[in-house]
Structure formats: structure tokens, C-alpha cells
Amino acid sequence: MGTINTSMLLASVLLLIGIASGKFSARLGVPELVLILFDGGLRTSLMSVRRVWRQALSLSTVGV
């Protein structure tokens, strides 16, 4: 009986850790991703955008 209780407790703790880490990563991960994408967009040169805009436009419309 003690083994079952111990395994149930361990499963419960792991479940709570999983839920807490999901909430924590969502709160910190999304703003970090936004900052990285924004910074990458600001550092992209206009010449690079001009070279690939046709391919990007076709992929964004046909690929979806």
C-alpha cells in the first residue's frame, strides 16, 4: 500500500511541476520571442528584403 501512495504522490508532484512550468514559460517565453523577432526585423537590411520578397510572398500565400 505504501508503494502505491508514494507513486501517486510522485505523479501528482510531477503533474504540478509540469503545469507550473507551462504557465511560467508562457509568461516569459512569449515576450522574449517578440523581442527577438522585433530585433531581427530591425537589423534586416532593405537589400535583403528586396532580394527575397517575391519568394516570401508566394510561400506565404500558396504555402498556407
C-alpha atoms as a PDB file:
ATOM      1  CA  MET A   1       0.000   0.000   0.000  1.00  0.00           C
ATOM      2  CA  GLY A   2       2.896   2.377   0.732  1.00  0.00           C
ATOM      3  CA  THR A   3       4.308   1.943  -2.777  1.00  0.00           C
ATOM      4  CA  ILE A   4       1.016   2.956  -4.378  1.00  0.00           C
ATOM      5  CA  ASN A   5       0.755   6.069  -2.206  1.00  0.00           C
ATOM      6  CA  THR A   6       4.342   7.033  -2.963  1.00  0.00           C
ATOM      7  CA  SER A   7       3.862   6.612  -6.702  1.00  0.00           C
ATOM      8  CA  MET A   8       0.616   8.628  -6.594  1.00  0.00           C
ATOM      9  CA  LEU A   9       2.385  11.402  -4.683  1.00  0.00           C
ATOM     10  CA  LEU A  10       5.261  11.403  -7.166  1.00  0.00           C
ATOM     11  CA  ALA A  11       2.863  11.540 -10.122  1.00  0.00           C
ATOM     12  CA  SER A  12       0.956  14.421  -8.506  1.00  0.00           C
ATOM     13  CA  VAL A  13       4.131  16.402  -7.859  1.00  0.00           C
ATOM     14  CA  LEU A  14       5.330  15.863 -11.418  1.00  0.00           C
ATOM     15  CA  LEU A  15       1.949  16.976 -12.759  1.00  0.00           C
ATOM     16  CA  LEU A  16       2.011  20.151 -10.662  1.00  0.00           C
ATOM     17  CA  ILE A  17       5.572  20.913 -11.768  1.00  0.00           C
ATOM     18  CA  GLY A  18       4.506  20.448 -15.389  1.00  0.00           C
ATOM     19  CA  ILE A  19       1.557  22.820 -15.015  1.00  0.00           C
ATOM     20  CA  ALA A  20       3.633  25.434 -13.192  1.00  0.00           C
ATOM     21  CA  SER A  21       6.439  25.312 -15.751  1.00  0.00           C
ATOM     22  CA  GLY A  22       3.918  25.683 -18.583  1.00  0.00           C
ATOM     23  CA  LYS A  23       2.465  28.823 -17.030  1.00  0.00           C
ATOM     24  CA  PHE A  24       5.917  30.198 -16.246  1.00  0.00           C
ATOM     25  CA  SER A  25       7.288  29.613 -19.728  1.00  0.00           C
ATOM     26  CA  ALA A  26       4.208  31.130 -21.376  1.00  0.00           C
ATOM     27  CA  ARG A  27       4.582  34.303 -19.333  1.00  0.00           C
ATOM     28  CA  LEU A  28       8.288  34.690 -20.022  1.00  0.00           C
ATOM     29  CA  GLY A  29       8.672  32.926 -23.356  1.00  0.00           C
ATOM     30  CA  VAL A  30       6.221  34.954 -25.433  1.00  0.00           C
ATOM     31  CA  PRO A  31       7.685  38.383 -24.590  1.00  0.00           C
ATOM     32  CA  GLU A  32      11.198  37.044 -25.240  1.00  0.00           C
ATOM     33  CA  LEU A  33      10.133  35.721 -28.626  1.00  0.00           C
ATOM     34  CA  VAL A  34       8.519  39.044 -29.512  1.00  0.00           C
ATOM     35  CA  LEU A  35      11.712  40.901 -28.617  1.00  0.00           C
ATOM     36  CA  ILE A  36      13.869  38.537 -30.669  1.00  0.00           C
ATOM     37  CA  LEU A  37      11.630  38.811 -33.734  1.00  0.00           C
ATOM     38  CA  PHE A  38      11.374  42.600 -33.411  1.00  0.00           C
ATOM     39  CA  ASP A  39      15.143  42.944 -33.078  1.00  0.00           C
ATOM     40  CA  GLY A  40      15.735  40.671 -36.068  1.00  0.00           C
ATOM     41  CA  GLY A  41      13.331  42.711 -38.159  1.00  0.00           C
ATOM     42  CA  LEU A  42      15.089  45.937 -37.297  1.00  0.00           C
ATOM     43  CA  ARG A  43      18.501  44.529 -38.208  1.00  0.00           C
ATOM     44  CA  THR A  44      17.420  43.220 -41.625  1.00  0.00           C
ATOM     45  CA  SER A  45      18.762  45.353 -44.426  1.00  0.00           C
ATOM     46  CA  LEU A  46      16.455  46.642 -47.143  1.00  0.00           C
ATOM     47  CA  MET A  47      18.601  44.950 -49.815  1.00  0.00           C
ATOM     48  CA  SER A  48      17.999  41.554 -48.184  1.00  0.00           C
ATOM     49  CA  VAL A  49      14.256  42.146 -48.158  1.00  0.00           C
ATOM     50  CA  ARG A  50      14.237  43.212 -51.806  1.00  0.00           C
ATOM     51  CA  ARG A  51      16.030  40.009 -52.847  1.00  0.00           C
ATOM     52  CA  VAL A  52      13.513  37.632 -51.292  1.00  0.00           C
ATOM     53  CA  TRP A  53      10.163  39.419 -51.114  1.00  0.00           C
ATOM     54  CA  ARG A  54       8.684  37.586 -54.136  1.00  0.00           C
ATOM     55  CA  GLN A  55       9.572  34.157 -52.783  1.00  0.00           C
ATOM     56  CA  ALA A  56       8.337  35.096 -49.319  1.00  0.00           C
ATOM     57  CA  LEU A  57       5.049  36.399 -50.681  1.00  0.00           C
ATOM     58  CA  SER A  58       4.432  33.295 -52.784  1.00  0.00           C
ATOM     59  CA  LEU A  59       5.293  30.999 -49.885  1.00  0.00           C
ATOM     60  CA  SER A  60       3.029  32.892 -47.513  1.00  0.00           C
ATOM     61  CA  THR A  61       0.034  32.680 -49.856  1.00  0.00           C
ATOM     62  CA  VAL A  62       0.470  29.341 -51.647  1.00  0.00           C
ATOM     63  CA  GLY A  63       2.203  27.540 -48.792  1.00  0.00           C
ATOM     64  CA  VAL A  64      -0.673  28.163 -46.413  1.00  0.00           C
END
